[in-house]
Protein backbone atom coordinates (compact mmCIF):
# COMPACT_ATOMS: atom_id res chain seq x y z
CA MET A 1 78.15 178.16 -54.81
CA ALA A 2 75.25 179.47 -52.74
CA GLN A 3 75.11 178.57 -49.08
CA ASN A 4 72.20 176.49 -47.94
CA ILE A 5 69.96 177.43 -45.05
CA ALA A 6 71.79 175.25 -42.53
CA GLU A 7 75.21 176.76 -43.31
CA VAL A 8 74.31 180.44 -43.04
CA PRO A 9 73.54 180.49 -39.30
CA ASP A 10 76.68 178.46 -38.57
CA ALA A 11 78.83 180.91 -40.54
CA MET A 12 77.28 183.88 -38.75
CA TYR A 13 77.68 182.09 -35.41
CA GLN A 14 81.36 181.37 -36.08
CA GLN A 15 82.01 184.99 -37.10
CA GLY A 16 80.35 186.22 -33.92
CA ARG A 17 82.43 183.85 -31.80
CA GLN A 18 85.65 185.00 -33.47
CA LEU A 19 84.80 188.67 -32.92
CA ALA A 20 83.90 188.01 -29.28
CA ARG A 21 87.16 186.13 -28.71
CA LYS A 22 89.20 188.93 -30.31
CA ALA A 23 87.42 191.57 -28.23
CA LYS A 24 87.96 189.57 -25.03
CA ASP A 25 91.63 188.97 -25.80
CA SER A 26 92.14 192.63 -26.72
CA SER A 27 90.49 194.00 -23.57
CA LEU A 28 92.49 191.62 -21.35
CA GLU A 29 95.76 192.68 -22.96
CA ASN A 30 94.84 196.37 -22.60
CA ASN A 31 94.06 195.87 -18.92
CA MET A 32 97.37 194.11 -18.38
CA ARG A 33 99.28 196.73 -20.38
CA ASN A 34 97.79 199.52 -18.26
CA SER A 35 98.86 197.84 -15.03
CA ILE A 36 102.18 199.05 -13.63
CA ALA A 37 102.46 196.41 -10.92
CA TYR A 38 102.23 193.37 -13.19
CA PRO A 39 104.47 192.96 -16.22
CA ILE A 40 102.93 191.38 -19.29
CA ARG A 41 103.92 187.76 -19.46
CA ARG A 42 102.51 185.23 -21.89
CA ALA A 43 101.54 182.06 -20.06
CA GLU A 44 102.22 178.72 -21.65
CA PRO A 45 99.01 176.83 -22.33
CA ASP A 46 98.52 174.19 -19.68
CA ASP A 47 96.74 170.86 -19.90
CA GLU A 48 93.47 172.35 -18.61
CA ASP A 49 93.44 174.94 -21.37
CA GLU A 50 94.21 172.26 -23.92
CA HIS A 51 91.35 170.07 -22.64
CA LEU A 52 88.99 173.04 -22.72
CA ASN A 53 90.01 173.87 -26.28
CA ASP A 54 89.50 170.23 -27.27
CA LEU A 55 86.03 170.23 -25.68
CA LEU A 56 85.09 173.46 -27.45
CA GLN A 57 86.20 171.97 -30.76
CA GLU A 58 84.22 168.80 -30.09
CA GLU A 59 81.17 170.93 -29.29
CA GLU A 60 81.52 172.77 -32.59
CA ASP A 61 81.93 169.45 -34.41
CA LEU A 62 78.81 168.04 -32.74
CA VAL A 63 76.73 171.10 -33.66
CA SER A 64 77.99 170.91 -37.26
CA ALA A 65 77.19 167.19 -37.43
CA HIS A 66 73.70 167.87 -36.08
CA ARG A 67 73.18 170.64 -38.63
CA LYS A 68 74.31 168.29 -41.42
CA GLN A 69 71.96 165.57 -40.14
CA VAL A 70 69.01 168.00 -40.16
CA GLU A 71 69.87 169.03 -43.73
CA GLU A 72 70.08 165.40 -44.84
CA THR A 73 66.78 164.67 -43.09
CA LEU A 74 65.12 167.51 -45.00
CA ASN A 75 66.43 166.12 -48.29
CA ILE A 76 65.20 162.65 -47.37
CA LEU A 77 61.80 164.07 -46.43
CA ILE A 78 61.47 165.68 -49.86
CA GLU A 79 62.41 162.39 -51.49
CA GLU A 80 59.85 160.56 -49.35
CA MET A 81 57.11 163.03 -50.26
CA ASN A 82 57.85 162.57 -53.95
CA MET A 83 57.92 158.81 -53.50
CA LEU A 84 54.54 158.84 -51.74
CA GLY A 85 53.10 160.95 -54.54
CA GLU A 86 54.32 158.40 -57.05
CA ALA A 87 52.95 155.53 -54.93
CA ASP A 88 49.46 157.06 -55.12
CA GLN A 89 49.53 157.06 -58.93
CA PRO A 90 47.91 154.24 -60.89
CA GLY A 91 50.40 151.70 -62.17
CA ASN A 92 52.79 152.19 -59.29
CA GLN A 93 55.57 149.61 -59.18
CA LEU A 94 55.36 148.08 -55.70
CA ASP A 95 58.83 146.48 -55.93
CA ASP A 96 60.43 149.86 -56.69
CA TYR A 97 58.52 151.53 -53.85
CA ILE A 98 59.56 148.86 -51.33
CA SER A 99 63.20 148.99 -52.43
CA ARG A 100 63.36 152.79 -52.23
CA LEU A 101 61.58 152.86 -48.86
CA SER A 102 64.03 150.31 -47.46
CA GLY A 103 66.98 152.41 -48.63
CA ILE A 104 65.52 155.60 -47.17
CA LEU A 105 64.82 153.99 -43.81
CA SER A 106 68.37 152.60 -43.68
CA GLN A 107 69.80 156.01 -44.54
CA LYS A 108 67.75 157.72 -41.82
CA ALA A 109 68.69 155.10 -39.23
CA ALA A 110 72.40 155.33 -40.07
CA GLY A 111 72.34 159.11 -39.71
CA ILE A 112 70.63 158.90 -36.34
CA VAL A 113 72.99 156.21 -35.05
CA ASP A 114 76.03 158.26 -36.13
CA LEU A 115 74.74 161.42 -34.44
CA GLN A 116 73.85 159.50 -31.27
CA ALA A 117 77.37 158.05 -31.15
CA ARG A 118 78.89 161.53 -31.49
CA LEU A 119 76.61 162.86 -28.75
CA GLU A 120 77.43 159.98 -26.39
CA GLN A 121 81.16 160.47 -26.97
CA PHE A 122 80.85 164.20 -26.27
CA GLN A 123 78.82 163.57 -23.10
CA LYS A 124 81.46 161.07 -21.96
CA ARG A 125 84.23 163.64 -22.49
CA LEU A 126 82.25 166.27 -20.58
CA ASN A 127 81.76 163.86 -17.69
CA GLU A 128 85.47 162.96 -17.67
CA ASN A 129 86.29 166.65 -17.37
CA ASN A 130 83.59 167.30 -14.76
CA VAL A 131 81.80 169.69 -17.08
CA LEU A 132 78.50 167.85 -17.42
CA LEU A 133 76.67 167.72 -14.11
CA TYR A 134 73.43 166.01 -15.11
CA ALA A 135 72.88 162.37 -16.00
């Protein structure tokens, strides 16, 4: 199945992040390996690291949800354009138009409310972890 426009940048972004993480991890290990004074010791992940990882995952989830919302909005926009074209035609069924418009507006509103809730939750988590410094 072909990827849509919204998925391609996310896939490339994720690949870039993975490569950057591997390069960073590799260079750190090489630096530690080359040091005579400090033996290599794997640290256990602490709570701070776990919170940071959770925040990074939530950020990725928020960006993916936003991307999905934009894609859905584009699909709705196409449907609305088609609907308006039909509404301009003679013999248009007003009841059908009103029903479809109501459904579209509800769908758009639900998507926005969901994305706003995700954003507010993420902002709250950032504030709790003293990451977000603005109001």
